[in-house]
PDB file of N, CA and C in Angstrom:
ATOM      1  N   MET A   1      22.083 -16.553  -2.098  1.00  0.00           N
ATOM      2  CA  MET A   1      23.574 -16.937  -2.637  1.00  0.00           C
ATOM      3  C   MET A   1      24.570 -17.576  -2.840  1.00  0.00           C
ATOM      4  N   SER A   2      25.135 -17.850  -3.766  1.00  0.00           N
ATOM      5  CA  SER A   2      25.751 -19.524  -4.117  1.00  0.00           C
ATOM      6  C   SER A   2      27.763 -19.087  -3.070  1.00  0.00           C
ATOM      7  N   ARG A   3      27.363 -19.901  -2.979  1.00  0.00           N
ATOM      8  CA  ARG A   3      29.046 -20.348  -1.779  1.00  0.00           C
ATOM      9  C   ARG A   3      30.341 -20.049  -2.562  1.00  0.00           C
ATOM     10  N   ASN A   4      30.065 -20.911  -4.058  1.00  0.00           N
ATOM     11  CA  ASN A   4      31.123 -20.683  -5.272  1.00  0.00           C
ATOM     12  C   ASN A   4      30.295 -20.701  -6.872  1.00  0.00           C
ATOM     13  N   PRO A   5      29.591 -19.190  -6.769  1.00  0.00           N
ATOM     14  CA  PRO A   5      29.409 -18.238  -8.313  1.00  0.00           C
ATOM     15  C   PRO A   5      30.643 -18.944  -9.487  1.00  0.00           C
ATOM     16  N   LEU A   6      30.117 -18.890 -10.258  1.00  0.00           N
ATOM     17  CA  LEU A   6      30.377 -19.429 -11.730  1.00  0.00           C
ATOM     18  C   LEU A   6      31.118 -17.685 -12.442  1.00  0.00           C
ATOM     19  N   THR A   7      32.396 -17.862 -12.342  1.00  0.00           N
ATOM     20  CA  THR A   7      33.694 -16.875 -12.457  1.00  0.00           C
ATOM     21  C   THR A   7      33.890 -17.491 -14.026  1.00  0.00           C
ATOM     22  N   VAL A   8      34.874 -16.580 -14.640  1.00  0.00           N
ATOM     23  CA  VAL A   8      35.043 -15.972 -16.238  1.00  0.00           C
ATOM     24  C   VAL A   8      35.998 -14.878 -16.394  1.00  0.00           C
ATOM     25  N   ARG A   9      37.062 -15.522 -17.062  1.00  0.00           N
ATOM     26  CA  ARG A   9      38.133 -14.584 -16.932  1.00  0.00           C
ATOM     27  C   ARG A   9      37.562 -13.434 -18.140  1.00  0.00           C
ATOM     28  N   PRO A  10      38.427 -12.101 -17.884  1.00  0.00           N
ATOM     29  CA  PRO A  10      38.731 -10.962 -19.183  1.00  0.00           C
ATOM     30  C   PRO A  10      38.388 -11.756 -20.855  1.00  0.00           C
ATOM     31  N   ALA A  11      38.998 -12.317 -20.818  1.00  0.00           N
ATOM     32  CA  ALA A  11      39.110 -13.417 -22.077  1.00  0.00           C
ATOM     33  C   ALA A  11      38.481 -13.954 -22.959  1.00  0.00           C
ATOM     34  N   THR A  12      37.743 -14.719 -21.863  1.00  0.00           N
ATOM     35  CA  THR A  12      36.780 -16.094 -22.056  1.00  0.00           C
ATOM     36  C   THR A  12      35.621 -15.007 -23.537  1.00  0.00           C
ATOM     37  N   PRO A  13      35.524 -15.674 -24.517  1.00  0.00           N
ATOM     38  CA  PRO A  13      34.619 -14.956 -25.545  1.00  0.00           C
ATOM     39  C   PRO A  13      33.550 -14.899 -24.999  1.00  0.00           C
ATOM     40  N   THR A  14      32.138 -14.217 -25.260  1.00  0.00           N
ATOM     41  CA  THR A  14      31.330 -13.747 -25.378  1.00  0.00           C
ATOM     42  C   THR A  14      30.094 -15.100 -25.593  1.00  0.00           C
ATOM     43  N   GLU A  15      31.148 -15.905 -26.306  1.00  0.00           N
ATOM     44  CA  GLU A  15      29.676 -16.640 -26.792  1.00  0.00           C
ATOM     45  C   GLU A  15      30.048 -18.026 -26.010  1.00  0.00           C
ATOM     46  N   GLU A  16      30.847 -18.408 -25.083  1.00  0.00           N
ATOM     47  CA  GLU A  16      31.199 -19.027 -24.276  1.00  0.00           C
ATOM     48  C   GLU A  16      30.474 -18.597 -22.750  1.00  0.00           C
ATOM     49  N   VAL A  17      30.253 -17.422 -23.054  1.00  0.00           N
ATOM     50  CA  VAL A  17      29.707 -16.583 -21.556  1.00  0.00           C
ATOM     51  C   VAL A  17      28.342 -17.280 -22.442  1.00  0.00           C
ATOM     52  N   ALA A  18      28.008 -16.819 -22.572  1.00  0.00           N
ATOM     53  CA  ALA A  18      26.876 -16.720 -22.974  1.00  0.00           C
ATOM     54  C   ALA A  18      25.537 -18.864 -22.815  1.00  0.00           C
ATOM     55  N   LYS A  19      26.234 -19.214 -22.813  1.00  0.00           N
ATOM     56  CA  LYS A  19      26.218 -21.109 -23.165  1.00  0.00           C
ATOM     57  C   LYS A  19      26.425 -21.056 -21.708  1.00  0.00           C
ATOM     58  N   MET A  20      27.587 -20.728 -20.704  1.00  0.00           N
ATOM     59  CA  MET A  20      27.473 -20.662 -19.774  1.00  0.00           C
ATOM     60  C   MET A  20      26.366 -21.004 -18.048  1.00  0.00           C
ATOM     61  N   MET A  21      25.976 -18.821 -19.196  1.00  0.00           N
ATOM     62  CA  MET A  21      24.730 -18.117 -18.017  1.00  0.00           C
ATOM     63  C   MET A  21      23.405 -19.613 -18.066  1.00  0.00           C
ATOM     64  N   ASP A  22      22.944 -19.894 -19.928  1.00  0.00           N
ATOM     65  CA  ASP A  22      22.057 -20.354 -20.412  1.00  0.00           C
ATOM     66  C   ASP A  22      21.918 -21.674 -19.465  1.00  0.00           C
ATOM     67  N   GLY A  23      23.109 -22.447 -19.355  1.00  0.00           N
ATOM     68  CA  GLY A  23      22.760 -23.917 -19.309  1.00  0.00           C
ATOM     69  C   GLY A  23      23.353 -23.786 -17.724  1.00  0.00           C
ATOM     70  N   ALA A  24      23.348 -22.944 -16.948  1.00  0.00           N
ATOM     71  CA  ALA A  24      23.508 -22.355 -15.064  1.00  0.00           C
ATOM     72  C   ALA A  24      21.934 -22.043 -14.963  1.00  0.00           C
ATOM     73  N   ARG A  25      21.673 -21.283 -16.130  1.00  0.00           N
ATOM     74  CA  ARG A  25      20.182 -21.122 -16.104  1.00  0.00           C
ATOM     75  C   ARG A  25      20.610 -19.436 -14.501  1.00  0.00           C
ATOM     76  N   ILE A  26      21.594 -18.768 -15.022  1.00  0.00           N
ATOM     77  CA  ILE A  26      21.414 -17.765 -14.008  1.00  0.00           C
ATOM     78  C   ILE A  26      21.863 -16.612 -15.358  1.00  0.00           C
ATOM     79  N   ARG A  27      21.375 -15.214 -14.282  1.00  0.00           N
ATOM     80  CA  ARG A  27      21.102 -14.331 -15.257  1.00  0.00           C
ATOM     81  C   ARG A  27      22.816 -13.322 -15.109  1.00  0.00           C
ATOM     82  N   HIS A  28      23.417 -13.369 -14.088  1.00  0.00           N
ATOM     83  CA  HIS A  28      25.089 -12.769 -13.286  1.00  0.00           C
ATOM     84  C   HIS A  28      26.153 -13.699 -13.451  1.00  0.00           C
ATOM     85  N   LEU A  29      27.283 -12.586 -13.883  1.00  0.00           N
ATOM     86  CA  LEU A  29      28.388 -13.823 -13.810  1.00  0.00           C
ATOM     87  C   LEU A  29      29.609 -12.651 -14.194  1.00  0.00           C
ATOM     88  N   LEU A  30      30.316 -13.456 -13.069  1.00  0.00           N
ATOM     89  CA  LEU A  30      31.392 -12.650 -12.072  1.00  0.00           C
ATOM     90  C   LEU A  30      32.343 -12.731 -12.797  1.00  0.00           C
ATOM     91  N   VAL A  31      33.378 -11.309 -13.179  1.00  0.00           N
ATOM     92  CA  VAL A  31      34.590 -12.028 -13.921  1.00  0.00           C
ATOM     93  C   VAL A  31      35.481 -11.391 -13.267  1.00  0.00           C
ATOM     94  N   CYS A  32      36.414 -12.294 -12.983  1.00  0.00           N
ATOM     95  CA  CYS A  32      38.039 -12.293 -11.732  1.00  0.00           C
ATOM     96  C   CYS A  32      39.006 -12.652 -12.809  1.00  0.00           C
ATOM     97  N   ASN A  33      40.359 -12.562 -12.141  1.00  0.00           N
ATOM     98  CA  ASN A  33      41.280 -12.332 -13.236  1.00  0.00           C
ATOM     99  C   ASN A  33      42.278 -13.585 -12.830  1.00  0.00           C
ATOM    100  N   ASN A  34      43.480 -13.817 -13.161  1.00  0.00           N
ATOM    101  CA  ASN A  34      43.775 -15.398 -12.721  1.00  0.00           C
ATOM    102  C   ASN A  34      44.331 -15.156 -11.055  1.00  0.00           C
ATOM    103  N   LYS A  35      44.194 -14.170 -10.210  1.00  0.00           N
ATOM    104  CA  LYS A  35      44.115 -14.464  -8.809  1.00  0.00           C
ATOM    105  C   LYS A  35      42.682 -14.480  -8.187  1.00  0.00           C
ATOM    106  N   GLU A  36      41.685 -14.444  -8.918  1.00  0.00           N
ATOM    107  CA  GLU A  36      40.217 -14.540  -8.286  1.00  0.00           C
ATOM    108  C   GLU A  36      40.045 -13.323  -8.242  1.00  0.00           C
ATOM    109  N   ARG A  37      40.343 -12.308  -8.068  1.00  0.00           N
ATOM    110  CA  ARG A  37      39.866 -11.228  -7.821  1.00  0.00           C
ATOM    111  C   ARG A  37      39.215 -10.590  -8.472  1.00  0.00           C
ATOM    112  N   LEU A  38      37.743  -9.487  -8.249  1.00  0.00           N
ATOM    113  CA  LEU A  38      36.788  -9.171  -8.642  1.00  0.00           C
ATOM    114  C   LEU A  38      36.844  -8.483  -9.655  1.00  0.00           C
ATOM    115  N   LEU A  39      37.038  -8.582 -10.941  1.00  0.00           N
ATOM    116  CA  LEU A  39      36.819  -7.303 -11.871  1.00  0.00           C
ATOM    117  C   LEU A  39      35.617  -6.571 -12.216  1.00  0.00           C
ATOM    118  N   GLY A  40      34.534  -7.545 -12.306  1.00  0.00           N
ATOM    119  CA  GLY A  40      32.959  -6.883 -12.957  1.00  0.00           C
ATOM    120  C   GLY A  40      32.912  -8.181 -12.645  1.00  0.00           C
ATOM    121  N   ILE A  41      31.169  -7.692 -13.675  1.00  0.00           N
ATOM    122  CA  ILE A  41      30.091  -8.665 -12.813  1.00  0.00           C
ATOM    123  C   ILE A  41      29.409  -8.334 -14.918  1.00  0.00           C
ATOM    124  N   ILE A  42      29.218  -9.206 -15.424  1.00  0.00           N
ATOM    125  CA  ILE A  42      28.114  -9.881 -16.664  1.00  0.00           C
ATOM    126  C   ILE A  42      26.864  -9.562 -16.490  1.00  0.00           C
ATOM    127  N   SER A  43      26.034  -9.411 -16.735  1.00  0.00           N
ATOM    128  CA  SER A  43      24.355  -9.503 -17.008  1.00  0.00           C
ATOM    129  C   SER A  43      23.491 -10.215 -18.250  1.00  0.00           C
ATOM    130  N   ASP A  44      23.041 -10.308 -18.073  1.00  0.00           N
ATOM    131  CA  ASP A  44      22.289 -10.442 -19.729  1.00  0.00           C
ATOM    132  C   ASP A  44      21.662  -9.616 -19.981  1.00  0.00           C
ATOM    133  N   ARG A  45      21.048  -8.444 -19.801  1.00  0.00           N
ATOM    134  CA  ARG A  45      21.291  -7.133 -20.146  1.00  0.00           C
ATOM    135  C   ARG A  45      22.441  -6.687 -20.752  1.00  0.00           C
ATOM    136  N   ASP A  46      23.563  -7.019 -20.468  1.00  0.00           N
ATOM    137  CA  ASP A  46      24.680  -6.617 -21.262  1.00  0.00           C
ATOM    138  C   ASP A  46      24.871  -6.878 -22.847  1.00  0.00           C
ATOM    139  N   PHE A  47      24.391  -8.314 -22.626  1.00  0.00           N
ATOM    140  CA  PHE A  47      24.465  -8.434 -23.977  1.00  0.00           C
ATOM    141  C   PHE A  47      23.832  -7.831 -25.099  1.00  0.00           C
ATOM    142  N   GLN A  48      22.432  -7.130 -24.479  1.00  0.00           N
ATOM    143  CA  GLN A  48      21.922  -5.954 -25.504  1.00  0.00           C
ATOM    144  C   GLN A  48      22.656  -4.752 -25.561  1.00  0.00           C
ATOM    145  N   TYR A  49      22.629  -4.400 -24.459  1.00  0.00           N
ATOM    146  CA  TYR A  49      23.299  -2.821 -24.515  1.00  0.00           C
ATOM    147  C   TYR A  49      24.486  -2.985 -24.745  1.00  0.00           C
ATOM    148  N   ARG A  50      25.514  -3.830 -24.621  1.00  0.00           N
ATOM    149  CA  ARG A  50      26.755  -3.431 -24.836  1.00  0.00           C
ATOM    150  C   ARG A  50      27.781  -4.074 -26.050  1.00  0.00           C
ATOM    151  N   GLY A  51      27.522  -5.027 -25.736  1.00  0.00           N
ATOM    152  CA  GLY A  51      28.325  -5.690 -27.003  1.00  0.00           C
ATOM    153  C   GLY A  51      29.552  -6.119 -26.483  1.00  0.00           C
ATOM    154  N   GLY A  52      30.532  -7.337 -26.968  1.00  0.00           N
ATOM    155  CA  GLY A  52      31.455  -7.594 -27.266  1.00  0.00           C
ATOM    156  C   GLY A  52      32.352  -8.450 -27.807  1.00  0.00           C
ATOM    157  N   ALA A  53      33.480  -8.950 -27.562  1.00  0.00           N
ATOM    158  CA  ALA A  53      34.108 -10.411 -28.400  1.00  0.00           C
ATOM    159  C   ALA A  53      34.321 -10.334 -27.006  1.00  0.00           C
ATOM    160  N   THR A  54      34.286 -10.152 -26.514  1.00  0.00           N
ATOM    161  CA  THR A  54      35.202 -10.802 -24.772  1.00  0.00           C
ATOM    162  C   THR A  54      34.554 -10.895 -23.898  1.00  0.00           C
ATOM    163  N   ALA A  55      34.250 -11.167 -22.318  1.00  0.00           N
ATOM    164  CA  ALA A  55      33.939 -11.079 -20.989  1.00  0.00           C
ATOM    165  C   ALA A  55      34.429  -9.300 -20.547  1.00  0.00           C
ATOM    166  N   GLY A  56      35.521  -9.752 -21.045  1.00  0.00           N
ATOM    167  CA  GLY A  56      36.055  -8.005 -20.836  1.00  0.00           C
ATOM    168  C   GLY A  56      35.847  -7.210 -21.382  1.00  0.00           C
ATOM    169  N   ALA A  57      35.342  -7.195 -22.423  1.00  0.00           N
ATOM    170  CA  ALA A  57      34.321  -5.865 -22.910  1.00  0.00           C
ATOM    171  C   ALA A  57      33.331  -5.255 -22.855  1.00  0.00           C
ATOM    172  N   LEU A  58      32.050  -6.804 -22.548  1.00  0.00           N
ATOM    173  CA  LEU A  58      31.306  -7.203 -22.271  1.00  0.00           C
ATOM    174  C   LEU A  58      31.262  -6.800 -20.364  1.00  0.00           C
ATOM    175  N   MET A  59      31.495  -6.960 -19.690  1.00  0.00           N
ATOM    176  CA  MET A  59      31.390  -6.606 -18.110  1.00  0.00           C
ATOM    177  C   MET A  59      31.157  -4.574 -17.176  1.00  0.00           C
ATOM    178  N   THR A  60      30.424  -5.197 -16.723  1.00  0.00           N
ATOM    179  CA  THR A  60      30.509  -4.245 -15.823  1.00  0.00           C
ATOM    180  C   THR A  60      31.535  -3.769 -15.381  1.00  0.00           C
ATOM    181  N   PRO A  61      32.746  -2.613 -14.526  1.00  0.00           N
ATOM    182  CA  PRO A  61      33.652  -3.049 -13.644  1.00  0.00           C
ATOM    183  C   PRO A  61      33.307  -2.827 -12.791  1.00  0.00           C
TER     184      PRO A  61
END
């Protein structure tokens, strides 16, 4: 487990999310609001099964 996990906001474009995950070589990314409250999680499989233009549309709540 990471002490400082990478997070994105719900409005983050999925292209940016994919680049972050690929660059960090991770399979999961946390989606948080501006108060750092966890809203959901994105996995590499969400790109295959969900789709969407933003992290908020792609995440699993």
